[in-house]
């Protein structure tokens, strides 16, 4: 079984997550180039799992292009790891506060991988800055 761990994090707070498998790391994606919804007063207290943020980022063309690239890379990696019978793969998304863009991206990748691979993989999502969001 391939265990896929997906993290959201803040570059300013916790930094890039450590890999607790024997791989020594994984893919790290920087979301800071995408417009930060946290700059909008009405979004400051929300996270990437809140409906208003999801709708805002769903309409952001740059975010959607970014995610399509991530989906392509992640699919290639998962396919390769499954073929080689590897057991651990890690993806991390960072932004300034680890609250909006990285949380949204981590959740979107998890949904994409679960839909595409189903029971072939086990996906876990960890939001380092907002552990109350972890399932």
Protein backbone atom coordinates (compact mmCIF):
# COMPACT_ATOMS: atom_id res chain seq x y z
CA UNK A 1 0.00 0.00 0.00
CA UNK A 2 1.33 3.42 -0.95
CA UNK A 3 0.92 5.94 1.87
CA UNK A 4 0.65 9.46 0.50
CA UNK A 5 1.12 12.20 3.07
CA UNK A 6 0.08 15.72 2.17
CA UNK A 7 0.97 18.73 4.31
CA UNK A 8 0.15 22.41 4.42
CA UNK A 9 2.57 24.67 6.24
CA UNK A 10 3.81 28.22 6.76
CA UNK A 11 7.26 29.18 5.58
CA UNK A 12 7.37 31.78 8.38
CA UNK A 13 6.13 29.58 11.24
CA UNK A 14 6.85 25.85 11.09
CA UNK A 15 8.81 25.66 7.83
CA UNK A 16 9.00 22.73 5.43
CA UNK A 17 7.68 19.57 7.14
CA UNK A 18 10.10 16.80 8.03
CA UNK A 19 9.64 13.43 6.39
CA UNK A 20 9.25 10.68 8.99
CA UNK A 21 9.70 7.94 6.40
CA UNK A 22 13.09 6.73 5.27
CA UNK A 23 12.85 8.76 2.04
CA UNK A 24 14.28 11.95 3.49
CA UNK A 25 11.74 14.28 1.88
CA UNK A 26 9.25 14.71 -0.91
CA UNK A 27 7.73 17.28 -3.22
CA UNK A 28 7.45 20.85 -1.88
CA UNK A 29 5.24 23.38 -3.66
CA UNK A 30 5.39 27.11 -2.92
CA UNK A 31 1.99 28.82 -3.12
CA UNK A 32 3.22 32.32 -2.24
CA UNK A 33 3.14 33.54 -5.86
CA UNK A 34 -0.65 33.11 -5.90
CA UNK A 35 -2.72 36.04 -4.62
CA UNK A 36 -3.29 35.66 -0.87
CA UNK A 37 -6.99 35.78 0.05
CA UNK A 38 -5.88 36.72 3.57
CA UNK A 39 -5.24 40.22 2.25
CA UNK A 40 -9.02 40.64 2.02
CA UNK A 41 -10.44 41.74 5.37
CA UNK A 42 -13.43 39.40 5.13
CA UNK A 43 -11.12 36.39 4.60
CA UNK A 44 -8.50 37.02 7.31
CA UNK A 45 -10.02 34.68 9.89
CA UNK A 46 -10.95 31.93 7.41
CA UNK A 47 -8.89 28.98 6.16
CA UNK A 48 -8.56 27.12 2.88
CA UNK A 49 -11.28 24.71 4.05
CA UNK A 50 -13.90 27.46 4.37
CA UNK A 51 -16.50 27.82 1.59
CA UNK A 52 -15.70 31.48 0.86
CA UNK A 53 -11.97 30.76 0.42
CA UNK A 54 -12.65 27.68 -1.68
CA UNK A 55 -14.93 29.66 -4.00
CA UNK A 56 -12.42 32.52 -4.19
CA UNK A 57 -9.52 30.22 -5.10
CA UNK A 58 -11.65 28.08 -7.42
CA UNK A 59 -12.12 31.26 -9.51
CA UNK A 60 -8.40 32.16 -9.46
CA UNK A 61 -6.91 31.17 -12.84
CA UNK A 62 -3.34 31.17 -11.53
CA UNK A 63 -4.30 28.78 -8.72
CA UNK A 64 -6.08 26.47 -11.13
CA UNK A 65 -3.11 26.38 -13.54
CA UNK A 66 -0.82 25.67 -10.58
CA UNK A 67 -3.04 22.82 -9.36
CA UNK A 68 -3.25 21.29 -12.82
CA UNK A 69 0.56 21.19 -12.90
CA UNK A 70 0.65 19.67 -9.40
CA UNK A 71 -1.92 17.06 -10.44
CA UNK A 72 0.21 16.11 -13.44
CA UNK A 73 3.40 15.80 -11.36
CA UNK A 74 1.66 13.94 -8.54
CA UNK A 75 0.03 11.47 -10.95
CA UNK A 76 3.38 10.68 -12.53
CA UNK A 77 4.94 10.19 -9.09
CA UNK A 78 2.11 8.02 -7.74
CA UNK A 79 2.08 5.86 -10.88
CA UNK A 80 5.83 5.38 -10.63
CA UNK A 81 5.77 4.65 -6.90
CA UNK A 82 2.96 2.12 -7.32
CA UNK A 83 4.83 0.40 -10.15
CA UNK A 84 8.00 0.23 -8.05
CA UNK A 85 6.01 -0.90 -4.97
CA UNK A 86 7.23 1.99 -2.82
CA UNK A 87 5.36 2.59 0.41
CA UNK A 88 5.70 6.34 1.12
CA UNK A 89 5.27 9.54 -0.85
CA UNK A 90 5.04 13.07 0.50
CA UNK A 91 3.71 16.35 -0.89
CA UNK A 92 3.86 19.67 0.96
CA UNK A 93 2.30 23.03 0.17
CA UNK A 94 3.67 26.18 1.77
CA UNK A 95 2.47 29.74 1.90
CA UNK A 96 3.12 32.71 4.14
CA UNK A 97 0.78 31.79 7.01
CA UNK A 98 -0.17 28.22 6.18
CA UNK A 99 -3.82 29.22 6.34
CA UNK A 100 -5.42 29.84 2.95
CA UNK A 101 -3.54 28.83 -0.22
CA UNK A 102 -1.57 25.91 1.22
CA UNK A 103 -4.57 24.44 3.06
CA UNK A 104 -6.72 24.75 -0.07
CA UNK A 105 -4.02 23.16 -2.26
CA UNK A 106 -3.43 20.25 0.13
CA UNK A 107 -7.15 19.50 0.26
CA UNK A 108 -7.50 19.73 -3.52
CA UNK A 109 -4.59 17.33 -4.10
CA UNK A 110 -6.02 14.87 -1.57
CA UNK A 111 -9.41 14.94 -3.31
CA UNK A 112 -7.80 14.50 -6.73
CA UNK A 113 -5.66 11.54 -5.64
CA UNK A 114 -8.50 9.84 -3.76
CA UNK A 115 -10.76 10.16 -6.79
CA UNK A 116 -8.11 8.95 -9.24
CA UNK A 117 -6.57 6.10 -7.24
CA UNK A 118 -9.22 5.11 -4.71
CA UNK A 119 -8.19 2.16 -2.55
CA UNK A 120 -4.83 1.74 -4.33
CA UNK A 121 -3.35 4.40 -2.03
CA UNK A 122 -3.91 5.77 1.48
CA UNK A 123 -3.97 9.58 1.64
CA UNK A 124 -3.55 11.58 4.85
CA UNK A 125 -3.62 15.36 5.09
CA UNK A 126 -1.93 17.32 7.87
CA UNK A 127 -2.31 21.06 8.29
CA UNK A 128 0.70 22.02 10.39
CA UNK A 129 -0.48 25.49 11.37
CA UNK A 130 -4.12 24.51 11.91
CA UNK A 131 -4.25 21.02 13.45
CA UNK A 132 -7.96 21.48 14.19
CA UNK A 133 -8.50 21.12 10.42
CA UNK A 134 -6.92 17.66 10.29
CA UNK A 135 -9.37 14.82 9.63
